[in-house]
Amino acid sequence: MLAILAAIVFGFALLLDFMNTDLGAPDLFSTSTLMLIGFLLLSLYLAGVGSGPRGGGGGRWYRGRRPGRG
């Protein structure tokens, strides 16, 4: 979830940079501030904070018999 939010923030920062605007608040919505917020969200995601994949292994977890195993 945090990685998706980081992608949205990066996309918004890129859009503001392309439009060359600061939305009337130069200190609040500057490109560098949004990039720092995006990097923060991305680093939190990579550190394991937030709702990410759970469990040690990947793949599917089955309870009881696995389907298709005779």
N, C-alpha and C. Protein backbone atom coordinates (compact mmCIF):
# COMPACT_ATOMS: atom_id res chain seq x y z
N MET A 1 0.82 -1.19 0.00
CA MET A 1 0.00 0.00 0.00
C MET A 1 0.87 1.25 0.00
N LEU A 2 1.95 1.22 0.78
CA LEU A 2 2.82 2.39 0.82
C LEU A 2 3.53 2.61 -0.50
N ALA A 3 3.84 1.53 -1.20
CA ALA A 3 4.48 1.68 -2.51
C ALA A 3 3.52 2.31 -3.52
N ILE A 4 2.25 1.98 -3.43
CA ILE A 4 1.27 2.59 -4.32
C ILE A 4 1.13 4.07 -4.01
N LEU A 5 1.09 4.43 -2.72
CA LEU A 5 1.03 5.83 -2.35
C LEU A 5 2.28 6.59 -2.81
N ALA A 6 3.44 5.95 -2.72
CA ALA A 6 4.67 6.59 -3.19
C ALA A 6 4.60 6.83 -4.69
N ALA A 7 4.07 5.87 -5.44
CA ALA A 7 3.94 6.04 -6.88
C ALA A 7 2.98 7.19 -7.22
N ILE A 8 1.92 7.31 -6.46
CA ILE A 8 0.97 8.41 -6.69
C ILE A 8 1.63 9.75 -6.40
N VAL A 9 2.37 9.83 -5.30
CA VAL A 9 3.06 11.08 -4.95
C VAL A 9 4.09 11.44 -6.00
N PHE A 10 4.86 10.44 -6.47
CA PHE A 10 5.85 10.70 -7.52
C PHE A 10 5.17 11.16 -8.81
N GLY A 11 4.05 10.55 -9.15
CA GLY A 11 3.32 10.97 -10.35
C GLY A 11 2.78 12.38 -10.23
N PHE A 12 2.29 12.75 -9.06
CA PHE A 12 1.79 14.10 -8.81
C PHE A 12 2.93 15.11 -8.89
N ALA A 13 4.09 14.75 -8.33
CA ALA A 13 5.26 15.64 -8.40
C ALA A 13 5.71 15.82 -9.84
N LEU A 14 5.69 14.75 -10.63
CA LEU A 14 6.08 14.84 -12.03
C LEU A 14 5.09 15.71 -12.81
N LEU A 15 3.81 15.56 -12.52
CA LEU A 15 2.80 16.38 -13.18
C LEU A 15 2.99 17.86 -12.85
N LEU A 16 3.24 18.17 -11.58
CA LEU A 16 3.48 19.56 -11.21
C LEU A 16 4.74 20.11 -11.88
N ASP A 17 5.75 19.26 -12.02
CA ASP A 17 6.98 19.70 -12.68
C ASP A 17 6.74 19.95 -14.17
N PHE A 18 5.97 19.08 -14.82
CA PHE A 18 5.66 19.28 -16.23
C PHE A 18 4.82 20.54 -16.46
N MET A 19 3.89 20.80 -15.57
CA MET A 19 3.03 21.98 -15.70
C MET A 19 3.73 23.24 -15.21
N ASN A 20 4.87 23.08 -14.55
CA ASN A 20 5.65 24.21 -14.03
C ASN A 20 4.80 25.10 -13.12
N THR A 21 4.12 24.47 -12.18
CA THR A 21 3.28 25.20 -11.25
C THR A 21 3.53 24.72 -9.83
N ASP A 22 3.12 25.50 -8.86
CA ASP A 22 3.24 25.11 -7.45
C ASP A 22 1.89 25.18 -6.74
N LEU A 23 0.81 25.33 -7.51
CA LEU A 23 -0.56 25.37 -6.99
C LEU A 23 -0.77 26.51 -5.99
N GLY A 24 -0.03 27.58 -6.11
CA GLY A 24 -0.20 28.75 -5.25
C GLY A 24 0.43 28.64 -3.89
N ALA A 25 1.07 27.54 -3.59
CA ALA A 25 1.72 27.36 -2.29
C ALA A 25 3.14 26.84 -2.54
N PRO A 26 4.11 27.73 -2.78
CA PRO A 26 5.44 27.28 -3.20
C PRO A 26 6.18 26.44 -2.17
N ASP A 27 5.93 26.64 -0.89
CA ASP A 27 6.64 25.86 0.13
C ASP A 27 5.94 24.53 0.41
N LEU A 28 4.65 24.45 0.16
CA LEU A 28 3.90 23.25 0.49
C LEU A 28 3.96 22.22 -0.63
N PHE A 29 3.81 22.64 -1.86
CA PHE A 29 3.72 21.71 -2.99
C PHE A 29 4.89 21.84 -3.95
N SER A 30 6.08 22.05 -3.44
CA SER A 30 7.22 22.10 -4.35
C SER A 30 7.58 20.67 -4.78
N THR A 31 8.27 20.57 -5.90
CA THR A 31 8.62 19.26 -6.43
C THR A 31 9.55 18.51 -5.48
N SER A 32 10.48 19.22 -4.87
CA SER A 32 11.42 18.54 -3.97
C SER A 32 10.72 18.02 -2.71
N THR A 33 9.74 18.76 -2.20
CA THR A 33 9.00 18.29 -1.03
C THR A 33 8.21 17.02 -1.35
N LEU A 34 7.56 17.00 -2.50
CA LEU A 34 6.80 15.81 -2.88
C LEU A 34 7.72 14.63 -3.15
N MET A 35 8.90 14.90 -3.71
CA MET A 35 9.85 13.81 -3.92
C MET A 35 10.31 13.23 -2.59
N LEU A 36 10.55 14.09 -1.60
CA LEU A 36 10.95 13.59 -0.28
C LEU A 36 9.85 12.77 0.38
N ILE A 37 8.60 13.19 0.22
CA ILE A 37 7.48 12.42 0.76
C ILE A 37 7.41 11.05 0.06
N GLY A 38 7.60 11.03 -1.25
CA GLY A 38 7.59 9.78 -1.99
C GLY A 38 8.71 8.85 -1.56
N PHE A 39 9.91 9.41 -1.36
CA PHE A 39 11.03 8.60 -0.89
C PHE A 39 10.78 8.06 0.51
N LEU A 40 10.15 8.86 1.36
CA LEU A 40 9.82 8.39 2.71
C LEU A 40 8.85 7.22 2.64
N LEU A 41 7.80 7.33 1.83
CA LEU A 41 6.84 6.24 1.71
C LEU A 41 7.48 4.99 1.13
N LEU A 42 8.34 5.18 0.14
CA LEU A 42 9.01 4.04 -0.47
C LEU A 42 9.97 3.36 0.49
N SER A 43 10.68 4.14 1.29
CA SER A 43 11.60 3.54 2.26
C SER A 43 10.84 2.83 3.37
N LEU A 44 9.69 3.36 3.78
CA LEU A 44 8.88 2.66 4.78
C LEU A 44 8.36 1.34 4.23
N TYR A 45 7.99 1.33 2.96
CA TYR A 45 7.53 0.09 2.34
C TYR A 45 8.65 -0.95 2.30
N LEU A 46 9.84 -0.51 1.90
CA LEU A 46 10.97 -1.43 1.82
C LEU A 46 11.44 -1.90 3.18
N ALA A 47 11.17 -1.11 4.22
CA ALA A 47 11.53 -1.51 5.58
C ALA A 47 10.52 -2.50 6.17
N GLY A 48 9.40 -2.69 5.51
CA GLY A 48 8.42 -3.66 5.98
C GLY A 48 7.28 -3.06 6.79
N VAL A 49 7.16 -1.74 6.81
CA VAL A 49 6.08 -1.08 7.54
C VAL A 49 4.85 -1.06 6.64
N GLY A 50 3.69 -1.23 7.22
CA GLY A 50 2.46 -1.17 6.45
C GLY A 50 1.95 -2.54 6.10
N SER A 51 0.90 -2.56 5.31
CA SER A 51 0.26 -3.84 4.97
C SER A 51 0.89 -4.37 3.69
N GLY A 52 1.85 -5.23 3.86
CA GLY A 52 2.49 -5.87 2.72
C GLY A 52 2.22 -7.35 2.76
N PRO A 53 2.93 -8.10 1.97
CA PRO A 53 2.77 -9.55 2.00
C PRO A 53 3.14 -10.12 3.36
N ARG A 54 2.37 -11.05 3.84
CA ARG A 54 2.63 -11.62 5.15
C ARG A 54 3.13 -13.06 5.00
N GLY A 55 3.83 -13.52 5.99
CA GLY A 55 4.31 -14.89 5.98
C GLY A 55 5.73 -14.98 5.46
N GLY A 56 6.39 -16.08 5.77
CA GLY A 56 7.78 -16.22 5.37
C GLY A 56 7.96 -16.71 3.95
N GLY A 57 7.11 -17.55 3.49
CA GLY A 57 7.29 -18.14 2.17
C GLY A 57 6.49 -17.41 1.13
N GLY A 58 6.28 -17.57 0.07
CA GLY A 58 5.37 -16.95 -0.87
C GLY A 58 4.36 -17.96 -1.28
N GLY A 59 3.70 -17.71 -2.30
CA GLY A 59 2.74 -18.67 -2.82
C GLY A 59 1.47 -18.74 -2.01
N ARG A 60 0.76 -19.82 -2.20
CA ARG A 60 -0.54 -19.97 -1.54
C ARG A 60 -0.40 -20.78 -0.27
N TRP A 61 -1.27 -20.49 0.66
CA TRP A 61 -1.32 -21.26 1.91
C TRP A 61 -2.58 -22.09 1.89
N TYR A 62 -2.44 -23.38 2.12
CA TYR A 62 -3.58 -24.28 2.14
C TYR A 62 -3.75 -24.84 3.54
N ARG A 63 -4.98 -25.02 3.90
CA ARG A 63 -5.28 -25.66 5.17
C ARG A 63 -5.81 -27.06 4.86
N GLY A 64 -5.25 -28.04 5.52
CA GLY A 64 -5.67 -29.40 5.26
C GLY A 64 -5.00 -29.94 4.00
N ARG A 65 -5.73 -30.74 3.25
CA ARG A 65 -5.16 -31.34 2.05
C ARG A 65 -5.10 -30.31 0.92
N ARG A 66 -4.07 -30.39 0.15
CA ARG A 66 -3.95 -29.49 -0.98
C ARG A 66 -4.78 -30.01 -2.13
N PRO A 67 -5.41 -29.15 -2.87
CA PRO A 67 -6.24 -29.62 -3.99
C PRO A 67 -5.39 -30.23 -5.09
N GLY A 68 -5.90 -31.26 -5.71
CA GLY A 68 -5.22 -31.92 -6.81
C GLY A 68 -4.12 -32.87 -6.37
N ARG A 69 -4.07 -33.23 -5.11
CA ARG A 69 -3.03 -34.12 -4.60
C ARG A 69 -3.62 -35.49 -4.23
N GLY A 70 -4.46 -36.04 -5.04
CA GLY A 70 -5.00 -37.37 -4.90
C GLY A 70 -5.44 -37.77 -3.61
